[in-house]
Amino acid sequence: MRVLVVEDETRMAEFINKGLTEAGYAVDIAEDGERGLAWTNVVDYDLIILDIMLPRRDGLDVCRTLRARGNQTLILMLTARDAVEDRVLGLDSGADDYLVKPFSFAELVARLRALARREPVLTGPVLEIADLTLDTRTREVTRAGTPIELTNKAYALLEYLMRHPNQVLTRTMIGEHIWNYDFDNATNVIDVHIRYLRKAVDDPFEPKLIQTVRGAGYRISDQAPMS
């Protein structure tokens, strides 16, 4: 999943970036509110972690601006303000959740997973297509009851595909969500990961779920391949 972290404290931003990257997220960092808004103009994020106390434009203003523009990206407010009225103000500005510093990284990731499950295509923490199952809480993947071990990137790619079943995902969409803004779409990295994923979750089983849609991209589906 693609996450934007808008945080001006360098050490905090690096801490979040390192932890989320290790957890398989693609992360971009913005150091102030204006830059955060600029990122949302060019990238379609799954989640935004937004500090309130920001230079140039505070998080509450950023949140209100995004909502006024019709941007419905899920937003987690991250701030040192812990008074009830501050939490109410943050939520009323359009945030979906609120986490007070200092925080447990495990709780941060759990809240991101909970927010992601609010999307219409997400029906719960366990994603299933045919006999393929992915548990986002434990990161366990099984096919026909057989456990499958995946690298972080392969897991992130499979989760992205399974969160959009039967939908064609272009190479650009995959690159931007699984890697980040600097990803070079001209390389064969996506093809390599798709081949790896097919070998792990498709080759030993039937039906084949990961499909190539010629000239368009890839999709995961238990329906007949698109011509």
Protein backbone atom coordinates (compact mmCIF):
# COMPACT_ATOMS: atom_id res chain seq x y z
CA MET A 1 0.00 0.00 0.00
CA ARG A 2 1.14 3.56 -0.73
CA VAL A 3 1.42 5.85 2.32
CA LEU A 4 2.22 9.55 2.61
CA VAL A 5 3.79 10.65 5.91
CA VAL A 6 3.52 14.40 6.54
CA GLU A 7 5.85 14.98 9.50
CA ASP A 8 8.38 17.75 10.13
CA GLU A 9 10.32 16.01 12.91
CA THR A 10 13.12 14.29 11.00
CA ARG A 11 13.76 11.52 13.52
CA MET A 12 10.05 10.71 13.79
CA ALA A 13 9.64 10.69 10.00
CA GLU A 14 12.66 8.39 9.60
CA PHE A 15 11.36 6.07 12.33
CA ILE A 16 7.94 5.76 10.67
CA ASN A 17 9.47 5.43 7.20
CA LYS A 18 11.84 2.64 8.27
CA GLY A 19 9.15 0.68 10.12
CA LEU A 20 6.51 0.94 7.39
CA THR A 21 9.00 0.10 4.64
CA GLU A 22 10.07 -3.01 6.55
CA ALA A 23 6.37 -3.90 6.90
CA GLY A 24 5.96 -3.81 3.12
CA TYR A 25 4.47 -0.34 2.61
CA ALA A 26 5.62 2.13 -0.06
CA VAL A 27 6.31 5.41 1.76
CA ASP A 28 6.75 9.04 0.73
CA ILE A 29 7.74 11.78 3.19
CA ALA A 30 6.65 15.43 3.19
CA GLU A 31 8.27 17.84 5.68
CA ASP A 32 5.49 20.46 5.77
CA GLY A 33 1.82 20.93 4.99
CA GLU A 34 2.30 22.63 1.64
CA ARG A 35 4.56 19.86 0.39
CA GLY A 36 2.11 17.25 1.67
CA LEU A 37 -0.69 18.80 -0.37
CA ALA A 38 1.58 18.95 -3.41
CA TRP A 39 2.28 15.19 -3.14
CA THR A 40 -1.46 14.43 -3.11
CA ASN A 41 -1.82 16.28 -6.42
CA VAL A 42 0.44 13.82 -8.22
CA VAL A 43 0.05 10.53 -6.31
CA ASP A 44 -3.03 8.48 -5.46
CA TYR A 45 -2.34 7.40 -1.86
CA ASP A 46 -4.06 4.64 0.07
CA LEU A 47 -3.37 6.29 3.44
CA ILE A 48 -1.99 9.55 4.83
CA ILE A 49 -0.30 9.90 8.22
CA LEU A 50 -0.66 13.59 9.03
CA ASP A 51 0.94 15.50 11.91
CA ILE A 52 -0.97 18.52 13.20
CA MET A 53 1.92 20.78 14.19
CA LEU A 54 3.47 21.44 10.78
CA PRO A 55 5.33 24.41 9.26
CA ARG A 56 3.82 26.47 6.43
CA ARG A 57 0.38 24.84 6.78
CA ASP A 58 -0.84 22.87 9.79
CA GLY A 59 -2.34 19.40 9.57
CA LEU A 60 -5.89 20.51 10.36
CA ASP A 61 -5.81 22.93 7.42
CA VAL A 62 -4.29 20.27 5.17
CA CYS A 63 -7.00 17.82 6.15
CA ARG A 64 -9.82 20.31 5.58
CA THR A 65 -8.33 21.30 2.21
CA LEU A 66 -8.14 17.69 1.05
CA ARG A 67 -11.75 17.02 2.03
CA ALA A 68 -12.91 20.26 0.39
CA ARG A 69 -11.26 19.07 -2.83
CA GLY A 70 -13.18 15.82 -2.62
CA ASN A 71 -10.08 13.80 -1.71
CA GLN A 72 -11.31 10.84 0.38
CA THR A 73 -7.91 9.26 1.09
CA LEU A 74 -7.89 7.72 4.56
CA ILE A 75 -6.15 10.04 7.06
CA LEU A 76 -4.58 9.18 10.41
CA MET A 77 -3.79 12.24 12.53
CA LEU A 78 -0.52 11.83 14.44
CA THR A 79 0.17 14.48 17.10
CA ALA A 80 1.37 15.27 20.60
CA ARG A 81 -1.93 16.95 21.46
CA ASP A 82 -3.90 14.58 23.68
CA ALA A 83 -6.78 16.69 25.04
CA VAL A 84 -10.27 15.46 24.17
CA GLU A 85 -11.10 18.71 22.40
CA ASP A 86 -7.99 18.34 20.22
CA ARG A 87 -9.00 14.84 19.18
CA VAL A 88 -12.52 16.03 18.41
CA LEU A 89 -11.13 18.93 16.35
CA GLY A 90 -8.92 16.59 14.37
CA LEU A 91 -11.73 14.16 13.61
CA ASP A 92 -14.13 16.98 12.77
CA SER A 93 -11.63 18.37 10.28
CA GLY A 94 -12.06 15.17 8.29
CA ALA A 95 -9.52 12.74 9.76
CA ASP A 96 -10.49 9.06 9.97
CA ASP A 97 -8.46 8.26 13.08
CA TYR A 98 -6.24 9.93 15.67
CA LEU A 99 -3.07 8.64 17.38
CA VAL A 100 -1.23 10.51 20.14
CA LYS A 101 2.56 10.67 20.43
CA PRO A 102 4.42 8.83 21.87
CA PHE A 103 2.89 5.71 20.38
CA SER A 104 3.59 2.02 19.86
CA PHE A 105 4.61 1.27 16.29
CA ALA A 106 2.58 -1.95 16.48
CA GLU A 107 -0.50 0.14 17.27
CA LEU A 108 0.24 2.49 14.37
CA VAL A 109 0.38 -0.41 11.91
CA ALA A 110 -2.75 -1.99 13.43
CA ARG A 111 -4.62 1.29 12.99
CA LEU A 112 -3.48 1.55 9.37
CA ARG A 113 -4.75 -1.97 8.72
CA ALA A 114 -8.08 -1.11 10.37
CA LEU A 115 -8.41 2.04 8.27
CA ALA A 116 -7.62 0.14 5.07
CA ARG A 117 -10.44 -2.29 5.78
CA ARG A 118 -12.93 0.59 5.52
CA GLU A 119 -12.51 0.73 1.74
CA PRO A 120 -15.53 -0.75 -0.09
CA VAL A 121 -13.46 -3.46 -1.79
CA LEU A 122 -12.10 -4.62 1.55
CA THR A 123 -14.48 -6.89 3.44
CA GLY A 124 -12.28 -7.75 6.41
CA PRO A 125 -8.78 -8.54 7.61
CA VAL A 126 -8.71 -11.84 5.69
CA LEU A 127 -8.67 -11.59 1.88
CA GLU A 128 -9.80 -14.61 -0.12
CA ILE A 129 -9.94 -15.51 -3.80
CA ALA A 130 -10.81 -19.12 -4.67
CA ASP A 131 -8.62 -21.18 -2.30
CA LEU A 132 -6.01 -18.42 -1.88
CA THR A 133 -6.10 -16.70 1.51
CA LEU A 134 -4.13 -13.73 2.84
CA ASP A 135 -4.44 -12.69 6.50
CA THR A 136 -3.38 -9.04 6.82
CA ARG A 137 -3.08 -9.35 10.61
CA THR A 138 -0.51 -12.15 10.60
CA ARG A 139 0.77 -11.76 7.00
CA GLU A 140 0.09 -15.47 6.50
CA VAL A 141 -0.63 -16.64 2.94
CA THR A 142 -2.08 -20.06 2.14
CA ARG A 143 -3.30 -21.80 -1.02
CA ALA A 144 -5.54 -24.83 -0.60
CA GLY A 145 -4.43 -24.87 3.02
CA THR A 146 -0.71 -24.93 2.11
CA PRO A 147 1.37 -22.15 3.75
CA ILE A 148 3.27 -19.95 1.27
CA GLU A 149 6.34 -17.91 2.22
CA LEU A 150 6.78 -14.61 0.37
CA THR A 151 9.27 -11.77 0.38
CA ASN A 152 8.03 -8.39 1.64
CA LYS A 153 7.60 -7.00 -1.89
CA ALA A 154 5.87 -10.12 -3.17
CA TYR A 155 3.51 -10.02 -0.19
CA ALA A 156 2.76 -6.34 -0.80
CA LEU A 157 2.10 -7.05 -4.49
CA LEU A 158 -0.21 -9.96 -3.68
CA GLU A 159 -2.10 -7.90 -1.09
CA TYR A 160 -2.54 -5.06 -3.59
CA LEU A 161 -3.90 -7.45 -6.22
CA MET A 162 -6.22 -9.15 -3.72
CA ARG A 163 -7.58 -5.83 -2.47
CA HIS A 164 -8.74 -5.17 -6.04
CA PRO A 165 -10.05 -8.54 -7.25
CA ASN A 166 -11.09 -8.81 -10.90
CA GLN A 167 -9.70 -5.33 -11.57
CA VAL A 168 -6.96 -4.65 -14.10
CA LEU A 169 -4.01 -2.93 -12.41
CA THR A 170 -1.60 -1.19 -14.75
CA ARG A 171 2.17 -1.33 -14.35
CA THR A 172 2.11 2.33 -13.32
CA MET A 173 -0.49 1.67 -10.61
CA ILE A 174 1.49 -1.29 -9.30
CA GLY A 175 4.78 0.59 -9.39
CA GLU A 176 3.41 3.60 -7.54
CA HIS A 177 1.65 1.57 -4.84
CA ILE A 178 4.26 -1.10 -4.17
CA TRP A 179 7.39 0.98 -4.65
CA ASN A 180 7.30 4.79 -4.56
CA TYR A 181 7.40 7.94 -6.66
CA ASP A 182 10.99 7.30 -7.77
CA PHE A 183 10.18 3.88 -9.24
CA ASP A 184 11.41 3.46 -12.81
CA ASN A 185 8.52 1.88 -14.70
CA ALA A 186 10.79 1.14 -17.66
CA THR A 187 12.56 -1.64 -15.74
CA ASN A 188 11.37 -5.26 -15.61
CA VAL A 189 11.12 -5.28 -11.80
CA ILE A 190 7.33 -5.70 -11.84
CA ASP A 191 7.55 -8.59 -14.31
CA VAL A 192 10.16 -10.29 -12.13
CA HIS A 193 7.94 -10.02 -9.05
CA ILE A 194 4.87 -11.22 -10.95
CA ARG A 195 6.82 -14.29 -12.13
CA TYR A 196 8.00 -14.94 -8.59
CA LEU A 197 4.45 -14.58 -7.27
CA ARG A 198 3.03 -16.92 -9.93
CA LYS A 199 5.65 -19.55 -9.10
CA ALA A 200 4.68 -19.36 -5.42
CA VAL A 201 0.88 -19.14 -5.53
CA ASP A 202 -0.16 -20.39 -8.99
CA ASP A 203 2.23 -22.94 -10.50
CA PRO A 204 1.46 -25.80 -8.07
CA PHE A 205 -2.30 -25.13 -8.08
CA GLU A 206 -5.44 -24.81 -10.19
CA PRO A 207 -7.04 -22.56 -11.26
CA LYS A 208 -4.39 -20.01 -12.19
CA LEU A 209 -5.37 -16.74 -10.50
CA ILE A 210 -2.78 -14.16 -11.55
CA GLN A 211 -3.62 -13.09 -15.08
CA THR A 212 -1.84 -10.93 -17.64
CA VAL A 213 -4.13 -8.56 -19.53
CA ARG A 214 -2.20 -7.83 -22.70
CA GLY A 215 -1.50 -4.17 -23.26
CA ALA A 216 -3.09 -3.23 -19.94
CA GLY A 217 -1.55 -4.85 -16.87
CA TYR A 218 -2.37 -7.62 -14.41
CA ARG A 219 -5.30 -8.78 -12.36
CA ILE A 220 -6.10 -11.53 -9.88
CA SER A 221 -9.31 -13.43 -10.49
CA ASP A 222 -10.88 -16.87 -10.40
CA GLN A 223 -12.89 -15.93 -13.49
CA ALA A 224 -11.86 -16.82 -17.03
CA PRO A 225 -8.88 -14.78 -18.31
CA MET A 226 -9.68 -11.62 -20.24
CA SER A 227 -9.01 -11.88 -23.97
